[in-house]
């Protein structure tokens, strides 16, 4: 037996001893794809995450390699070359918008065009809001009040923001224990925000990973949808909150980055006898007459529990029903949970 034959025999022996189920392979591939996308979006302040993605790539490569040892090798297409990104100057206008922290915490930062920022953490129990607080621009970042932290920032034209803490505040500060962070701009729509999609609606090459998602479930009460949602492929953000033991909740709807200051529409949300979600504008609404209604018909929840972008996130799927205001047009489709 020559060396080639001995090597082939050894590899086949190892391959037979490695047992990998289809479900395990789907999970490994799914984690690798999202970690790779997250890692490539980071820059000099995210080397730790890049390293983690690289380790994940090696692990996945090993699993896939053993499964393919007994199959005929086929040429693989070249990896696409990523589009170059441009670093933008920091100013109030370039920071303005709703940003999602890309650390799986679900916290939203809303930079306002008046030089303030609001931090919000929408959950099924309500909305924990801090701010608005004023911030001061520096040549390399922002300075926040003493009880918060100062950040060095890097902003790119694809809607990504990288941050490094340069001054740490008290232990109860929102940035306590944080050294680095990154954000994705949800609203107004950015390239990075548009990439946040429910796995089941990704291109055909990734559609197989949709198998890890739970089957559709009905919306059985407002607490099931009391979160922050991004309409897939748009910059429209919907936040639903429900007071405890209440059958009527509150919603805020906006697509131009002023969700927490001057939203396009606000009002009450309820579930009608047929199970549809009904939005009813209040007198506070800037874009719709008070009493205007919109129906989000046949709502169902899809996805995996306990995850938010940029991991594969649960989604709310609805059909657009009757609406009485332009702000309520085209509300149907897929809404990605971002908190």
Protein backbone atom coordinates (compact mmCIF):
# COMPACT_ATOMS: atom_id res chain seq x y z
CA UNK A 1 0.00 0.00 0.00
CA UNK A 2 1.53 3.30 -1.07
CA UNK A 3 1.33 6.55 0.92
CA UNK A 4 -1.74 7.82 -0.96
CA UNK A 5 -3.64 4.62 -0.26
CA UNK A 6 -2.65 4.66 3.43
CA UNK A 7 -3.77 8.31 3.78
CA UNK A 8 -7.09 7.60 2.09
CA UNK A 9 -7.67 4.59 4.33
CA UNK A 10 -6.89 6.60 7.49
CA UNK A 11 -9.23 9.44 6.54
CA UNK A 12 -12.06 7.05 5.76
CA UNK A 13 -11.61 5.35 9.13
CA UNK A 14 -11.86 8.70 10.98
CA UNK A 15 -14.84 9.76 8.85
CA UNK A 16 -16.76 6.63 9.86
CA UNK A 17 -16.18 7.42 13.53
CA UNK A 18 -17.47 10.99 13.29
CA UNK A 19 -21.24 11.20 13.69
CA UNK A 20 -22.90 14.48 12.75
CA UNK A 21 -26.68 14.76 12.37
CA UNK A 22 -28.32 16.97 9.75
CA UNK A 23 -29.72 19.16 12.51
CA UNK A 24 -26.26 19.64 14.05
CA UNK A 25 -24.86 20.57 10.65
CA UNK A 26 -27.66 23.10 10.04
CA UNK A 27 -27.04 24.71 13.44
CA UNK A 28 -23.28 24.83 12.86
CA UNK A 29 -23.69 26.32 9.40
CA UNK A 30 -26.27 28.82 10.66
CA UNK A 31 -24.04 30.02 13.50
CA UNK A 32 -21.02 30.23 11.23
CA UNK A 33 -22.80 32.32 8.55
CA UNK A 34 -24.07 34.89 11.04
CA UNK A 35 -20.83 35.07 13.01
CA UNK A 36 -18.90 35.52 9.77
CA UNK A 37 -21.23 38.35 8.66
CA UNK A 38 -20.92 39.99 12.08
CA UNK A 39 -17.15 39.55 12.19
CA UNK A 40 -16.55 41.06 8.75
CA UNK A 41 -18.50 44.15 9.75
CA UNK A 42 -16.23 44.84 12.72
CA UNK A 43 -13.06 46.85 12.47
CA UNK A 44 -10.13 47.60 14.75
CA UNK A 45 -12.22 47.64 17.96
CA UNK A 46 -13.69 44.17 17.41
CA UNK A 47 -10.73 41.85 16.96
CA UNK A 48 -12.01 39.52 19.67
CA UNK A 49 -15.24 38.81 17.80
CA UNK A 50 -13.36 38.34 14.54
CA UNK A 51 -11.19 35.72 16.22
CA UNK A 52 -14.28 33.94 17.56
CA UNK A 53 -15.79 33.84 14.07
CA UNK A 54 -12.55 32.45 12.70
CA UNK A 55 -12.61 29.64 15.28
CA UNK A 56 -16.23 28.94 14.32
CA UNK A 57 -15.19 28.76 10.66
CA UNK A 58 -12.49 26.19 11.44
CA UNK A 59 -14.90 24.06 13.47
CA UNK A 60 -17.54 24.17 10.72
CA UNK A 61 -14.95 23.43 8.05
CA UNK A 62 -13.88 20.34 9.99
CA UNK A 63 -17.44 19.04 10.34
CA UNK A 64 -18.27 19.62 6.69
CA UNK A 65 -14.94 18.16 5.59
CA UNK A 66 -15.50 14.80 7.29
CA UNK A 67 -18.97 14.53 5.79
CA UNK A 68 -17.62 15.11 2.29
CA UNK A 69 -14.62 12.75 2.43
CA UNK A 70 -16.50 9.99 0.62
CA UNK A 71 -18.12 12.29 -1.95
CA UNK A 72 -16.72 13.42 -5.25
CA UNK A 73 -14.96 16.75 -4.91
CA UNK A 74 -16.43 19.61 -6.94
CA UNK A 75 -14.95 23.03 -7.70
CA UNK A 76 -16.22 25.75 -5.37
CA UNK A 77 -17.17 29.26 -6.53
CA UNK A 78 -14.91 32.09 -5.47
CA UNK A 79 -16.04 34.02 -2.38
CA UNK A 80 -17.64 37.36 -3.26
CA UNK A 81 -15.48 40.40 -2.71
CA UNK A 82 -17.16 42.71 -0.14
CA UNK A 83 -17.95 46.23 -1.20
CA UNK A 84 -15.59 48.77 0.35
CA UNK A 85 -17.02 51.00 3.06
CA UNK A 86 -16.28 54.66 3.60
CA UNK A 87 -15.72 56.20 7.00
CA UNK A 88 -17.99 59.19 7.58
CA UNK A 89 -17.29 62.31 9.63
CA UNK A 90 -19.06 62.47 12.97
CA UNK A 91 -21.76 65.11 13.16
CA UNK A 92 -25.29 65.39 14.53
CA UNK A 93 -26.91 64.60 11.19
CA UNK A 94 -24.78 61.53 10.42
CA UNK A 95 -25.50 60.08 13.88
CA UNK A 96 -29.23 60.83 13.76
CA UNK A 97 -31.37 57.70 13.77
CA UNK A 98 -32.37 54.58 15.67
CA UNK A 99 -29.44 52.23 16.29
CA UNK A 100 -29.52 48.64 17.52
CA UNK A 101 -26.68 47.49 19.76
CA UNK A 102 -25.09 44.53 17.97
CA UNK A 103 -24.32 42.63 21.20
CA UNK A 104 -27.58 40.65 21.35
CA UNK A 105 -28.92 42.85 24.18
CA UNK A 106 -31.70 44.46 22.14
CA UNK A 107 -31.06 47.97 23.44
CA UNK A 108 -31.87 50.83 21.06
CA UNK A 109 -30.00 54.14 20.92
CA UNK A 110 -31.91 57.00 19.31
CA UNK A 111 -29.63 59.90 18.34
CA UNK A 112 -31.79 62.97 17.79
CA UNK A 113 -31.16 65.85 15.42
CA UNK A 114 -31.14 68.30 18.33
CA UNK A 115 -27.89 66.87 19.75
CA UNK A 116 -29.40 64.51 22.33
CA UNK A 117 -29.61 60.73 22.60
CA UNK A 118 -32.18 58.41 24.20
CA UNK A 119 -31.47 54.84 25.30
CA UNK A 120 -34.41 52.45 25.37
CA UNK A 121 -34.87 48.75 26.12
CA UNK A 122 -38.36 47.69 24.99
CA UNK A 123 -39.59 44.45 26.55
CA UNK A 124 -42.91 42.71 27.05
CA UNK A 125 -43.12 44.41 30.48
CA UNK A 126 -42.75 47.96 29.17
CA UNK A 127 -40.12 50.34 27.91
CA UNK A 128 -37.10 51.23 30.05
CA UNK A 129 -36.03 54.68 28.81
CA UNK A 130 -32.97 56.72 29.74
CA UNK A 131 -32.81 60.22 28.35
CA UNK A 132 -32.88 62.17 26.26
CA UNK A 133 -29.46 63.40 27.39
CA UNK A 134 -27.21 65.87 25.65
CA UNK A 135 -23.98 64.71 24.08
CA UNK A 136 -20.93 66.68 22.97
CA UNK A 137 -19.16 65.85 19.72
CA UNK A 138 -15.38 65.55 19.76
CA UNK A 139 -13.09 65.00 16.75
CA UNK A 140 -13.14 61.26 17.44
CA UNK A 141 -16.37 60.53 19.32
CA UNK A 142 -18.90 61.81 21.84
CA UNK A 143 -18.89 62.88 25.48
CA UNK A 144 -21.93 62.05 27.61
CA UNK A 145 -22.93 63.27 31.09
CA UNK A 146 -20.70 62.35 34.04
CA UNK A 147 -22.88 59.44 35.13
CA UNK A 148 -22.48 57.87 31.70
CA UNK A 149 -19.44 57.05 29.53
CA UNK A 150 -17.53 58.83 26.78
CA UNK A 151 -16.99 56.99 23.51
CA UNK A 152 -14.53 57.01 20.64
CA UNK A 153 -16.60 56.23 17.54
CA UNK A 154 -16.11 55.12 13.97
CA UNK A 155 -19.04 55.54 11.54
CA UNK A 156 -19.22 53.95 8.08
CA UNK A 157 -21.54 54.65 5.18
CA UNK A 158 -23.18 51.20 5.32
CA UNK A 159 -24.91 52.11 8.59
CA UNK A 160 -22.49 50.66 11.12
CA UNK A 161 -21.05 52.34 14.18
CA UNK A 162 -18.13 51.05 16.24
CA UNK A 163 -17.45 52.36 19.73
CA UNK A 164 -14.73 52.13 22.36
CA UNK A 165 -15.18 53.44 25.90
CA UNK A 166 -12.61 56.14 26.68
CA UNK A 167 -14.05 57.22 30.03
CA UNK A 168 -15.83 54.88 32.41
CA UNK A 169 -18.51 56.20 34.74
CA UNK A 170 -20.18 54.82 37.88
CA UNK A 171 -20.96 51.13 38.29
CA UNK A 172 -24.66 51.67 37.56
CA UNK A 173 -23.96 53.37 34.22
CA UNK A 174 -25.47 51.78 31.07
CA UNK A 175 -21.92 51.14 29.86
CA UNK A 176 -20.61 49.64 33.12
CA UNK A 177 -18.41 46.67 32.32
CA UNK A 178 -18.37 47.50 28.62
CA UNK A 179 -15.17 48.22 26.73
CA UNK A 180 -16.30 48.03 23.11
CA UNK A 181 -19.63 48.04 21.33
CA UNK A 182 -21.05 48.25 17.85
CA UNK A 183 -24.39 49.38 16.48
CA UNK A 184 -26.47 48.92 13.32
CA UNK A 185 -28.70 51.74 12.12
CA UNK A 186 -32.27 50.58 11.76
CA UNK A 187 -33.93 53.88 10.89
CA UNK A 188 -33.58 55.69 8.55
CA UNK A 189 -32.91 52.56 6.55
CA UNK A 190 -29.25 51.64 6.08
CA UNK A 191 -27.49 48.89 4.19
CA UNK A 192 -26.67 47.10 7.44
CA UNK A 193 -30.26 47.44 8.68
CA UNK A 194 -31.66 46.08 5.43
CA UNK A 195 -29.48 42.99 5.90
CA UNK A 196 -31.42 42.06 9.06
CA UNK A 197 -33.88 39.53 7.70
CA UNK A 198 -35.72 36.54 9.04
CA UNK A 199 -33.75 33.46 8.07
CA UNK A 200 -36.73 31.94 6.33
CA UNK A 201 -36.76 34.77 3.81
CA UNK A 202 -33.03 34.88 3.05
CA UNK A 203 -31.79 33.99 -0.44
CA UNK A 204 -32.01 30.39 -1.61
CA UNK A 205 -28.43 29.67 -0.59
CA UNK A 206 -29.33 30.09 3.10
CA UNK A 207 -32.93 28.88 3.01
CA UNK A 208 -31.97 25.49 4.43
CA UNK A 209 -31.19 27.13 7.77
CA UNK A 210 -34.88 28.01 8.12
CA UNK A 211 -35.40 24.45 9.33
CA UNK A 212 -34.11 25.40 12.78
CA UNK A 213 -37.02 27.78 13.29
CA UNK A 214 -40.12 26.94 15.23
CA UNK A 215 -43.41 26.33 13.49
CA UNK A 216 -45.81 29.30 13.17
CA UNK A 217 -47.63 30.19 16.37
CA UNK A 218 -50.69 32.34 16.79
CA UNK A 219 -50.56 35.67 18.61
CA UNK A 220 -52.59 34.86 21.72
CA UNK A 221 -52.22 38.20 23.46
CA UNK A 222 -50.50 41.56 23.27
CA UNK A 223 -47.59 40.47 25.49
CA UNK A 224 -46.53 38.18 22.62
CA UNK A 225 -45.89 41.21 20.40
CA UNK A 226 -44.89 43.75 23.04
CA UNK A 227 -41.41 44.37 21.66
CA UNK A 228 -39.59 46.48 19.08
CA UNK A 229 -39.97 45.34 15.47
CA UNK A 230 -38.23 46.33 12.23
CA UNK A 231 -40.22 45.87 9.03
CA UNK A 232 -37.95 43.75 6.88
CA UNK A 233 -36.19 45.66 4.10
CA UNK A 234 -37.31 49.07 5.37
CA UNK A 235 -36.41 51.61 8.02
CA UNK A 236 -39.83 51.39 9.67
CA UNK A 237 -39.74 50.55 13.37
CA UNK A 238 -42.78 49.59 15.46
CA UNK A 239 -42.61 49.45 19.26
CA UNK A 240 -45.50 47.83 21.13
CA UNK A 241 -45.78 47.97 24.92
CA UNK A 242 -48.53 46.55 27.11
CA UNK A 243 -49.25 47.64 30.67
CA UNK A 244 -49.62 44.71 33.01
CA UNK A 245 -53.09 43.10 33.01
CA UNK A 246 -54.23 45.36 30.19
CA UNK A 247 -56.03 44.30 27.02
CA UNK A 248 -54.98 47.48 25.24
CA UNK A 249 -51.38 48.42 24.56
CA UNK A 250 -49.53 51.38 23.13
CA UNK A 251 -47.64 51.54 19.86
CA UNK A 252 -45.12 53.95 18.33
CA UNK A 253 -44.39 53.86 14.58
CA UNK A 254 -41.63 55.71 12.72
CA UNK A 255 -39.32 55.35 9.71
CA UNK A 256 -37.11 58.46 9.72
CA UNK A 257 -35.06 57.97 12.87
CA UNK A 258 -37.12 59.95 15.38
CA UNK A 259 -38.90 57.06 17.06
CA UNK A 260 -38.38 58.37 20.60
CA UNK A 261 -38.83 62.10 20.00
CA UNK A 262 -41.21 62.93 17.16
CA UNK A 263 -42.56 59.62 15.82
CA UNK A 264 -44.76 59.54 12.74
CA UNK A 265 -47.63 57.83 14.51
CA UNK A 266 -48.59 56.79 18.04
CA UNK A 267 -51.72 55.31 19.50
CA UNK A 268 -53.38 52.24 20.99
CA UNK A 269 -53.05 48.64 19.84
CA UNK A 270 -55.56 45.89 20.52
CA UNK A 271 -56.58 42.45 19.28
CA UNK A 272 -60.03 42.17 17.73
CA UNK A 273 -62.30 39.08 18.06
CA UNK A 274 -60.86 37.58 14.86
CA UNK A 275 -57.33 37.73 16.28
CA UNK A 276 -56.11 40.62 14.10
CA UNK A 277 -53.98 43.44 15.50
CA UNK A 278 -55.65 46.84 15.30
CA UNK A 279 -53.71 50.12 15.49
CA UNK A 280 -55.72 53.24 16.41
CA UNK A 281 -54.00 56.63 16.19
CA UNK A 282 -54.26 58.96 19.16
CA UNK A 283 -54.33 62.75 19.34
CA UNK A 284 -50.55 62.66 19.87
CA UNK A 285 -50.01 61.26 16.38
CA UNK A 286 -48.20 63.62 14.03
CA UNK A 287 -48.94 61.73 10.83
CA UNK A 288 -52.47 60.37 11.24
CA UNK A 289 -55.78 61.91 12.37
CA UNK A 290 -56.91 60.76 15.78
CA UNK A 291 -59.04 57.64 15.48
CA UNK A 292 -57.45 56.41 12.25
CA UNK A 293 -57.19 52.63 12.29
CA UNK A 294 -55.07 50.02 10.56
CA UNK A 295 -55.53 46.25 10.64
CA UNK A 296 -52.59 43.87 10.74
CA UNK A 297 -54.40 40.73 9.72
CA UNK A 298 -53.64 37.08 10.47
CA UNK A 299 -50.59 37.71 12.67
CA UNK A 300 -48.31 34.73 13.31
CA UNK A 301 -44.96 34.45 15.04
CA UNK A 302 -42.04 32.59 13.47
CA UNK A 303 -38.50 32.06 14.63
CA UNK A 304 -36.32 30.83 17.43
CA UNK A 305 -36.93 31.92 20.99
CA UNK A 306 -34.56 34.17 22.87
CA UNK A 307 -32.58 35.61 19.97
CA UNK A 308 -32.45 39.01 18.31
CA UNK A 309 -30.47 40.42 15.39
CA UNK A 310 -27.83 40.03 14.25
CA UNK A 311 -28.54 36.45 15.33
CA UNK A 312 -31.47 34.74 13.58
CA UNK A 313 -34.42 36.51 15.13
CA UNK A 314 -38.08 35.75 15.62
CA UNK A 315 -40.41 37.39 13.15
CA UNK A 316 -43.99 38.64 13.17
CA UNK A 317 -45.78 38.00 9.90
CA UNK A 318 -48.95 39.92 9.07
CA UNK A 319 -51.15 40.77 6.11
CA UNK A 320 -52.02 44.38 5.40
CA UNK A 321 -55.67 45.02 6.11
CA UNK A 322 -57.79 48.13 5.82
CA UNK A 323 -56.09 51.43 6.70
CA UNK A 324 -57.25 55.03 6.94
CA UNK A 325 -53.93 56.88 6.96
CA UNK A 326 -50.92 57.01 4.65
CA UNK A 327 -48.61 56.15 7.56
CA UNK A 328 -50.47 52.85 7.87
CA UNK A 329 -50.03 51.83 4.24
CA UNK A 330 -48.05 48.69 3.42
CA UNK A 331 -47.69 47.46 6.99
CA UNK A 332 -47.98 43.83 5.88
CA UNK A 333 -45.12 41.42 5.50
CA UNK A 334 -42.31 40.34 7.81
CA UNK A 335 -41.36 42.25 10.96
CA UNK A 336 -38.04 41.30 12.57
CA UNK A 337 -37.90 41.42 16.36
CA UNK A 338 -35.06 43.71 17.42
CA UNK A 339 -35.61 43.70 21.18
